[in-house]
Amino acid sequence: MNEQVLPQDPPAFRAYVRTWMKTHYAQFVRDWPAEPDPVSLAFRRGWEDTLCRHGWAGLGWPGQYGGKALPLSHQAIYLEELARSGAPLGVNLIGHGIFAPTLLHFGTEAQKQRYLPGILRNETIWCQGYSEPGAGSDLAAVTTRARKVGRDFVLDGHKIWTSFANLADYCFVLARTDPDSQRHRGLSFLLVDMRQPGVRVEPIRQLTGEAEFCEVFFEQVIVRQDCLLGQEGEGWRMAMTAASFERGTYFIPRLVQFERELASVRRLIDQAASGLSAVALQDYRQRWSALYTDSAILQLKSHRALTAAMSGSPPGPEGSSTKVHWSEAHQRMLDLAMQLLGLHVCTPDARHQAETEFFTRASLWSRAETVLAGTSEIQRNIIGEKVLGLEKG
């Protein structure tokens, strides 16, 4: 790993990251042995490996574990500039962004020494075993069970929509260790080796043809006592803490991408203007203007969440508002792009090939965005109960 002396002044740090990303991502694309495809998992993993090899992992970790102990504000700058470079997101986002800080907070020293080096070097991929067929957005309803046998656990259950489970080396699993418990009580946080006997992964084919999400079956899987993170029965608290680690920065790359896509849609409108009626052109421009307003508001929401996270405030229902707003605005924008491209979506046209391929895949993929990380319906329930004070039912 290349050691870097990073500027501490925020503007200087941003300039450094921007220059580094522009130079190294362009070089990575030139050196890629096949046709560069930012959507492919191999390309994304390769670029993520490059970032880790040059010291861009563990930015917020303590120095004793190979990190750089940078404040959250600098981590946000890094994510912004990474997204602005046009580079794709990696495949170990859960390992770097969710599990590692949770491990640093709750793990024993032996667990930190065991798991952190592989994440820092991007040698071990992590997935998140939360959602189940009967407990998707309702995390407290999980039925996966881990019964105590001696000092260890025997894990049985079924998880679904587990991102990158087919690539993962490990999974942190929320399981019920108290058979008499209900809802969020009696849950524990287990670290499971995905290569051991009894773990079966079934990829789920998506509209785009990819299989990024998976079903995971645990059948009599032995989980050693030293693979319990924290204390038995504290799984809910750790899951909520894990969620808080991503709230300040989760949407940053997505909002930068939103801005980039919005600029592309504006170019599509300008290109189509001469062939549109005045009424149609006005409609497209008004819809684009509304999306531009969405983008500005989402940036303010993201800044507010980051500021709250930096001050140590506990996560609140504002995350639900941002998630609903972003996912539904993104779908509206991609619908607009697809309408502008029109028949070019179905017929080859060299002039629009790049936009057509990009927006077609993005539009299909976006159908999942109002479902993943909590459906829009669940998020609206949270807003109604926690923000508006409405009664359940």
Protein backbone atom coordinates (compact mmCIF):
# COMPACT_ATOMS: atom_id res chain seq x y z
CA MET A 1 0.00 0.00 0.00
CA ASN A 2 1.34 3.42 -0.91
CA GLU A 3 1.57 5.74 2.07
CA GLN A 4 0.29 9.24 1.39
CA VAL A 5 0.72 12.48 3.29
CA LEU A 6 -2.75 13.96 2.95
CA PRO A 7 -3.44 17.69 3.35
CA GLN A 8 -5.45 18.49 6.48
CA ASP A 9 -6.95 21.74 5.18
CA PRO A 10 -10.34 20.79 3.62
CA PRO A 11 -9.98 22.78 0.35
CA ALA A 12 -6.42 21.49 -0.12
CA PHE A 13 -7.59 17.94 0.68
CA ARG A 14 -10.39 18.23 -1.90
CA ALA A 15 -7.98 19.49 -4.56
CA TYR A 16 -5.57 16.65 -3.80
CA VAL A 17 -8.28 13.97 -4.00
CA ARG A 18 -9.73 15.46 -7.20
CA THR A 19 -6.37 15.47 -8.95
CA TRP A 20 -5.49 11.98 -7.71
CA MET A 21 -8.81 10.53 -8.87
CA LYS A 22 -8.67 12.18 -12.28
CA THR A 23 -5.15 10.90 -12.93
CA HIS A 24 -5.40 7.40 -11.49
CA TYR A 25 -8.87 6.49 -12.70
CA ALA A 26 -7.94 7.47 -16.25
CA GLN A 27 -4.80 5.34 -15.95
CA PHE A 28 -6.80 2.42 -14.53
CA VAL A 29 -9.22 2.57 -17.47
CA ARG A 30 -6.35 2.65 -19.98
CA ASP A 31 -4.64 -0.32 -18.33
CA TRP A 32 -7.76 -2.46 -17.97
CA PRO A 33 -7.05 -5.63 -20.00
CA ALA A 34 -10.54 -5.86 -21.51
CA GLU A 35 -13.16 -3.40 -22.72
CA PRO A 36 -13.73 -1.09 -19.72
CA ASP A 37 -17.17 -1.71 -18.27
CA PRO A 38 -17.89 0.28 -15.08
CA VAL A 39 -20.99 -1.86 -14.50
CA SER A 40 -19.15 -5.18 -14.36
CA LEU A 41 -18.25 -6.55 -10.94
CA ALA A 42 -14.74 -7.43 -12.11
CA PHE A 43 -14.07 -3.83 -13.15
CA ARG A 44 -15.55 -2.46 -9.93
CA ARG A 45 -13.54 -4.88 -7.79
CA GLY A 46 -10.38 -4.05 -9.72
CA TRP A 47 -10.81 -0.31 -9.19
CA GLU A 48 -11.63 -0.86 -5.51
CA ASP A 49 -8.46 -2.94 -5.16
CA THR A 50 -6.50 -0.07 -6.70
CA LEU A 51 -7.95 2.43 -4.22
CA CYS A 52 -7.09 0.19 -1.28
CA ARG A 53 -3.60 -0.49 -2.58
CA HIS A 54 -2.97 3.27 -2.68
CA GLY A 55 -4.18 3.81 0.87
CA TRP A 56 -7.75 5.06 0.33
CA ALA A 57 -9.31 2.50 2.70
CA GLY A 58 -9.82 2.99 6.42
CA LEU A 59 -9.81 6.77 6.18
CA GLY A 60 -11.67 7.11 9.48
CA TRP A 61 -10.01 4.20 11.28
CA PRO A 62 -7.49 4.69 14.11
CA GLY A 63 -3.89 4.62 13.00
CA GLN A 64 -3.12 1.50 15.06
CA TYR A 65 -5.30 -0.51 12.64
CA GLY A 66 -3.84 0.96 9.47
CA GLY A 67 -6.28 3.85 9.18
CA LYS A 68 -5.75 7.57 8.76
CA ALA A 69 -8.11 8.83 11.49
CA LEU A 70 -9.61 11.45 9.18
CA PRO A 71 -12.74 13.28 10.36
CA LEU A 72 -16.11 12.54 8.80
CA SER A 73 -15.95 15.80 6.84
CA HIS A 74 -12.85 14.60 4.97
CA GLN A 75 -14.41 11.19 4.35
CA ALA A 76 -17.38 13.00 2.77
CA ILE A 77 -15.06 15.01 0.53
CA TYR A 78 -13.35 11.81 -0.57
CA LEU A 79 -16.67 10.19 -1.50
CA GLU A 80 -17.80 13.30 -3.40
CA GLU A 81 -14.64 13.47 -5.48
CA LEU A 82 -14.61 9.72 -6.06
CA ALA A 83 -18.14 9.99 -7.50
CA ARG A 84 -17.31 13.12 -9.54
CA SER A 85 -14.45 11.29 -11.20
CA GLY A 86 -17.01 9.04 -12.87
CA ALA A 87 -15.56 5.96 -11.20
CA PRO A 88 -18.01 3.26 -10.08
CA LEU A 89 -18.81 2.24 -6.54
CA GLY A 90 -16.93 -0.81 -5.30
CA VAL A 91 -18.29 -4.22 -4.31
CA ASN A 92 -17.09 -4.18 -0.68
CA LEU A 93 -19.08 -1.14 0.41
CA ILE A 94 -20.65 -3.04 3.28
CA GLY A 95 -17.28 -4.20 4.55
CA HIS A 96 -15.66 -0.77 4.40
CA GLY A 97 -18.63 1.44 5.26
CA ILE A 98 -20.75 -0.56 7.69
CA PHE A 99 -19.01 -3.59 9.17
CA ALA A 100 -15.54 -2.13 9.80
CA PRO A 101 -16.73 0.83 11.92
CA THR A 102 -19.14 -1.48 13.77
CA LEU A 103 -16.30 -3.89 14.49
CA LEU A 104 -14.08 -1.05 15.68
CA HIS A 105 -16.83 0.04 18.07
CA PHE A 106 -17.96 -3.34 19.45
CA GLY A 107 -15.32 -5.91 18.59
CA THR A 108 -12.73 -7.50 20.83
CA GLU A 109 -9.09 -6.85 20.10
CA ALA A 110 -8.75 -10.39 18.74
CA GLN A 111 -11.70 -9.83 16.37
CA LYS A 112 -10.22 -6.55 15.12
CA GLN A 113 -6.85 -8.16 14.48
CA ARG A 114 -8.56 -11.05 12.68
CA TYR A 115 -10.92 -9.17 10.36
CA LEU A 116 -9.70 -5.60 9.78
CA PRO A 117 -6.52 -6.33 7.75
CA GLY A 118 -8.46 -8.21 5.07
CA ILE A 119 -10.92 -5.32 4.69
CA LEU A 120 -8.12 -2.76 4.55
CA ARG A 121 -6.44 -4.66 1.70
CA ASN A 122 -9.83 -5.49 0.11
CA GLU A 123 -9.01 -9.17 0.29
CA THR A 124 -12.16 -10.14 2.16
CA ILE A 125 -15.64 -9.14 1.00
CA TRP A 126 -18.49 -8.76 3.49
CA CYS A 127 -22.25 -8.98 3.05
CA GLN A 128 -25.12 -8.15 5.39
CA GLY A 129 -27.54 -10.85 6.54
CA TYR A 130 -30.57 -8.86 7.62
CA SER A 131 -33.63 -9.14 5.33
CA GLU A 132 -35.70 -12.31 5.19
CA PRO A 133 -38.65 -13.41 3.00
CA GLY A 134 -41.03 -12.57 5.87
CA ALA A 135 -38.98 -9.76 7.38
CA GLY A 136 -37.70 -7.42 4.70
CA SER A 137 -38.16 -3.84 5.84
CA ASP A 138 -39.37 -5.02 9.27
CA LEU A 139 -35.99 -5.99 10.64
CA ALA A 140 -37.26 -6.80 14.13
CA ALA A 141 -39.34 -9.67 12.70
CA VAL A 142 -36.36 -11.86 11.77
CA THR A 143 -36.87 -15.59 12.35
CA THR A 144 -33.37 -16.90 11.57
CA ARG A 145 -32.32 -18.69 14.73
CA ALA A 146 -29.02 -19.54 16.39
CA ARG A 147 -29.33 -22.04 19.22
CA LYS A 148 -26.59 -22.53 21.76
CA VAL A 149 -24.79 -25.88 21.67
CA GLY A 150 -22.06 -25.88 24.28
CA ARG A 151 -20.22 -22.60 23.89
CA ASP A 152 -21.01 -22.24 20.18
CA PHE A 153 -24.13 -21.56 18.09
CA VAL A 154 -25.92 -23.59 15.42
CA LEU A 155 -27.42 -21.24 12.84
CA ASP A 156 -30.52 -22.02 10.75
CA GLY A 157 -32.44 -19.59 8.57
CA HIS A 158 -33.04 -17.90 5.26
CA LYS A 159 -31.91 -14.42 4.23
CA ILE A 160 -32.82 -12.63 1.01
CA TRP A 161 -31.77 -9.57 -1.06
CA THR A 162 -28.26 -10.04 0.30
CA SER A 163 -26.01 -7.88 -1.87
CA PHE A 164 -22.85 -9.57 -3.19
CA ALA A 165 -23.41 -12.72 -1.12
CA ASN A 166 -22.13 -14.74 -4.09
CA LEU A 167 -18.79 -12.92 -3.82
CA ALA A 168 -18.62 -12.52 -0.06
CA ASP A 169 -16.16 -14.24 2.22
CA TYR A 170 -18.07 -13.30 5.39
CA CYS A 171 -21.55 -12.22 6.41
CA PHE A 172 -22.68 -10.47 9.57
CA VAL A 173 -26.00 -12.07 10.43
CA LEU A 174 -28.77 -10.84 12.68
CA ALA A 175 -30.24 -13.95 14.29
CA ARG A 176 -32.57 -14.76 17.17
CA THR A 177 -30.58 -16.42 19.96
CA ASP A 178 -33.38 -16.29 22.55
CA PRO A 179 -36.16 -18.61 21.28
CA ASP A 180 -38.74 -17.00 23.60
CA SER A 181 -37.99 -13.42 22.55
CA GLN A 182 -40.09 -11.19 20.34
CA ARG A 183 -39.40 -8.28 18.03
CA HIS A 184 -36.06 -6.56 18.61
CA ARG A 185 -35.27 -8.38 21.86
CA GLY A 186 -33.18 -11.55 21.91
CA LEU A 187 -31.27 -10.87 18.68
CA SER A 188 -27.53 -11.35 18.30
CA PHE A 189 -24.90 -10.24 15.78
CA LEU A 190 -22.98 -13.22 14.38
CA LEU A 191 -19.97 -13.23 12.04
CA VAL A 192 -20.32 -16.12 9.59
CA ASP A 193 -17.73 -17.59 7.22
CA MET A 194 -19.56 -17.94 3.89
CA ARG A 195 -17.30 -20.81 2.77
CA GLN A 196 -18.11 -23.20 5.59
CA PRO A 197 -20.48 -26.19 5.34
CA GLY A 198 -24.19 -25.43 5.55
CA VAL A 199 -24.06 -22.04 3.79
CA ARG A 200 -25.81 -22.01 0.42
CA VAL A 201 -26.09 -18.96 -1.86
CA GLU A 202 -28.61 -18.63 -4.70
CA PRO A 203 -28.18 -15.52 -6.90
CA ILE A 204 -31.36 -13.67 -7.91
CA ARG A 205 -31.39 -12.56 -11.55
CA GLN A 206 -32.40 -8.90 -11.92
CA LEU A 207 -34.10 -7.01 -14.74
CA THR A 208 -30.69 -5.83 -15.93
CA GLY A 209 -29.48 -9.43 -16.30
CA GLU A 210 -27.12 -9.17 -13.34
CA ALA A 211 -27.35 -11.13 -10.10
CA GLU A 212 -26.09 -8.67 -7.49
CA PHE A 213 -28.72 -9.73 -4.94
CA CYS A 214 -28.89 -13.22 -3.52
CA GLU A 215 -30.75 -15.61 -1.26
CA VAL A 216 -28.68 -17.18 1.49
CA PHE A 217 -29.63 -20.38 3.31
CA PHE A 218 -28.04 -21.35 6.62
CA GLU A 219 -28.51 -25.03 7.46
CA GLN A 220 -26.92 -26.26 10.68
CA VAL A 221 -24.03 -23.80 10.38
CA ILE A 222 -21.62 -23.86 13.30
CA VAL A 223 -20.73 -20.36 14.54
CA ARG A 224 -18.04 -20.27 17.18
CA GLN A 225 -18.47 -18.22 20.34
CA ASP A 226 -15.64 -15.91 19.30
CA CYS A 227 -17.66 -15.00 16.18
CA LEU A 228 -20.34 -13.32 18.32
CA LEU A 229 -19.90 -9.55 18.06
CA GLY A 230 -20.68 -7.83 21.34
CA GLN A 231 -22.86 -9.58 23.87
CA GLU A 232 -25.56 -12.15 23.25
CA GLY A 233 -28.94 -10.42 22.86
CA GLU A 234 -27.42 -7.06 21.85
CA GLY A 235 -27.87 -7.58 18.11
CA TRP A 236 -30.54 -4.93 17.67
CA ARG A 237 -28.39 -2.23 19.30
CA MET A 238 -25.46 -3.14 17.08
CA ALA A 239 -27.62 -3.21 13.95
CA MET A 240 -28.91 0.28 14.74
CA THR A 241 -25.38 1.51 15.43
CA ALA A 242 -24.21 0.00 12.13
CA ALA A 243 -26.99 1.90 10.35
CA SER A 244 -25.86 5.15 11.97
CA PHE A 245 -22.33 4.76 10.59
CA GLU A 246 -23.57 5.05 7.01
CA ARG A 247 -26.20 7.74 7.49
CA GLY A 248 -23.80 10.66 7.19
CA THR A 249 -22.18 9.52 3.96
CA TYR A 250 -24.46 6.90 2.36
CA PHE A 251 -26.21 9.25 -0.05
CA ILE A 252 -23.18 11.36 -1.03
CA PRO A 253 -22.06 9.29 -4.07
CA ARG A 254 -25.68 8.81 -5.11
CA LEU A 255 -26.45 12.52 -5.01
CA VAL A 256 -23.33 13.34 -7.01
CA GLN A 257 -24.44 10.73 -9.55
CA PHE A 258 -27.92 12.30 -9.51
CA GLU A 259 -26.36 15.65 -10.50
CA ARG A 260 -24.31 14.05 -13.28
CA GLU A 261 -27.32 12.23 -14.69
CA LEU A 262 -29.45 15.37 -14.46
CA ALA A 263 -26.90 17.25 -16.57
CA SER A 264 -27.08 14.47 -19.17
CA VAL A 265 -30.88 14.70 -19.24
CA ARG A 266 -30.61 18.45 -19.83
CA ARG A 267 -28.40 17.75 -22.85
CA LEU A 268 -31.00 15.28 -24.16
CA ILE A 269 -33.67 17.99 -23.91
CA ASP A 270 -31.47 20.49 -25.76
CA GLN A 271 -30.72 17.94 -28.48
CA ALA A 272 -34.41 17.13 -28.94
CA ALA A 273 -35.65 20.74 -28.74
CA SER A 274 -35.78 21.41 -32.49
CA GLY A 275 -38.05 18.42 -33.10
CA LEU A 276 -40.49 19.08 -30.27
CA SER A 277 -43.64 21.15 -30.16
CA ALA A 278 -43.60 24.19 -27.89
CA VAL A 279 -45.95 22.45 -25.46
CA ALA A 280 -43.84 19.28 -25.29
CA LEU A 281 -40.62 21.25 -24.86
CA GLN A 282 -42.13 23.30 -22.04
CA ASP A 283 -43.32 20.12 -20.32
CA TYR A 284 -39.86 18.53 -20.48
CA ARG A 285 -38.19 21.70 -19.19
CA GLN A 286 -40.64 22.05 -16.31
CA ARG A 287 -40.09 18.44 -15.29
CA TRP A 288 -36.34 18.93 -15.47
CA SER A 289 -36.60 22.10 -13.34
CA ALA A 290 -38.55 20.22 -10.69
CA LEU A 291 -35.83 17.56 -10.63
CA TYR A 292 -33.18 20.26 -10.31
CA THR A 293 -35.05 21.50 -7.23
CA ASP A 294 -35.12 17.93 -5.90
CA SER A 295 -31.37 17.73 -6.35
CA ALA A 296 -30.78 20.97 -4.41
CA ILE A 297 -33.06 19.89 -1.56
CA LEU A 298 -31.41 16.47 -1.37
CA GLN A 299 -28.01 18.12 -1.10
CA LEU A 300 -29.28 20.16 1.85
CA LYS A 301 -30.71 17.05 3.51
CA SER A 302 -27.41 15.23 3.03
CA HIS A 303 -25.49 18.16 4.51
CA ARG A 304 -27.84 18.21 7.51
CA ALA A 305 -27.36 14.47 8.09
CA LEU A 306 -23.59 14.81 7.83
CA THR A 307 -23.57 17.74 10.27
CA ALA A 308 -25.69 15.78 12.75
CA ALA A 309 -23.43 12.74 12.45
CA MET A 310 -20.33 14.89 13.02
CA SER A 311 -21.88 16.30 16.19
CA GLY A 312 -22.63 12.81 17.50
CA SER A 313 -26.41 13.19 17.42
CA PRO A 314 -28.33 9.88 17.31
CA PRO A 315 -29.86 8.97 13.96
CA GLY A 316 -33.43 10.13 13.52
CA PRO A 317 -36.28 9.74 11.03
CA GLU A 318 -34.75 12.28 8.64
CA GLY A 319 -32.99 9.40 6.92
CA SER A 320 -36.36 8.01 5.88
CA SER A 321 -37.29 11.34 4.30
CA THR A 322 -34.05 11.45 2.30
CA LYS A 323 -34.37 7.85 1.18
CA VAL A 324 -37.94 8.26 -0.11
CA HIS A 325 -37.12 11.58 -1.76
CA TRP A 326 -33.98 10.34 -3.51
CA SER A 327 -35.35 7.00 -4.73
CA GLU A 328 -38.59 8.40 -6.13
CA ALA A 329 -36.96 11.50 -7.68
CA HIS A 330 -34.36 9.26 -9.29
CA GLN A 331 -37.06 7.12 -10.86
CA ARG A 332 -38.83 10.26 -12.16
CA MET A 333 -35.60 11.50 -13.71
CA LEU A 334 -34.88 8.20 -15.42
CA ASP A 335 -38.45 8.02 -16.71
CA LEU A 336 -37.89 11.45 -18.26
CA ALA A 337 -34.63 10.30 -19.85
CA MET A 338 -36.28 7.22 -21.32
CA GLN A 339 -39.09 9.31 -22.81
CA LEU A 340 -36.57 11.65 -24.41
CA LEU A 341 -34.62 8.76 -25.89
CA GLY A 342 -37.87 7.29 -27.20
CA LEU A 343 -37.39 4.76 -29.98
CA HIS A 344 -33.61 4.93 -29.62
CA VAL A 345 -34.09 2.58 -26.66
CA CYS A 346 -35.34 -0.15 -29.01
CA THR A 347 -33.45 0.56 -32.23
CA PRO A 348 -29.68 0.93 -32.75
CA ASP A 349 -28.56 4.53 -33.17
CA ALA A 350 -24.86 5.33 -32.96
CA ARG A 351 -25.54 8.94 -32.00
CA HIS A 352 -27.40 7.94 -28.84
CA GLN A 353 -25.85 4.55 -28.11
CA ALA A 354 -23.97 5.55 -24.96
CA GLU A 355 -26.91 7.41 -23.43
CA THR A 356 -29.33 4.67 -24.43
CA GLU A 357 -27.28 1.88 -22.86
CA PHE A 358 -26.62 3.87 -19.70
CA PHE A 359 -30.15 5.13 -19.09
CA THR A 360 -31.81 1.83 -20.03
CA ARG A 361 -29.81 -0.07 -17.44
CA ALA A 362 -30.17 2.71 -14.85
CA SER A 363 -33.94 2.86 -15.37
CA LEU A 364 -34.34 -0.90 -14.96
CA TRP A 365 -32.07 -0.99 -11.91
CA SER A 366 -33.88 1.95 -10.28
CA ARG A 367 -37.02 -0.18 -9.85
CA ALA A 368 -35.20 -1.68 -6.85
CA GLU A 369 -34.39 1.67 -5.26
CA THR A 370 -37.84 2.17 -3.73
CA VAL A 371 -37.58 -1.31 -2.20
CA LEU A 372 -33.99 -1.75 -0.99
CA ALA A 373 -32.94 -0.39 2.43
CA GLY A 374 -36.61 -0.18 3.44
CA THR A 375 -39.55 0.23 1.08
CA SER A 376 -41.12 3.62 0.45
CA GLU A 377 -44.21 2.41 2.32
CA ILE A 378 -42.17 1.55 5.43
CA GLN A 379 -40.27 4.84 5.22
CA ARG A 380 -43.54 6.78 5.04
CA ASN A 381 -44.80 4.93 8.10
CA ILE A 382 -41.66 6.00 9.97
CA ILE A 383 -42.12 9.62 8.86
CA GLY A 384 -45.78 9.55 9.84
CA GLU A 385 -45.13 8.08 13.29
CA LYS A 386 -41.82 9.73 14.21
CA VAL A 387 -42.13 13.13 12.51
CA LEU A 388 -45.86 13.81 12.26
CA GLY A 389 -46.84 11.96 15.40
CA LEU A 390 -49.56 9.93 13.70
CA GLU A 391 -50.96 6.84 15.37
CA LYS A 392 -50.21 3.40 14.01
CA GLY A 393 -52.89 1.57 12.10
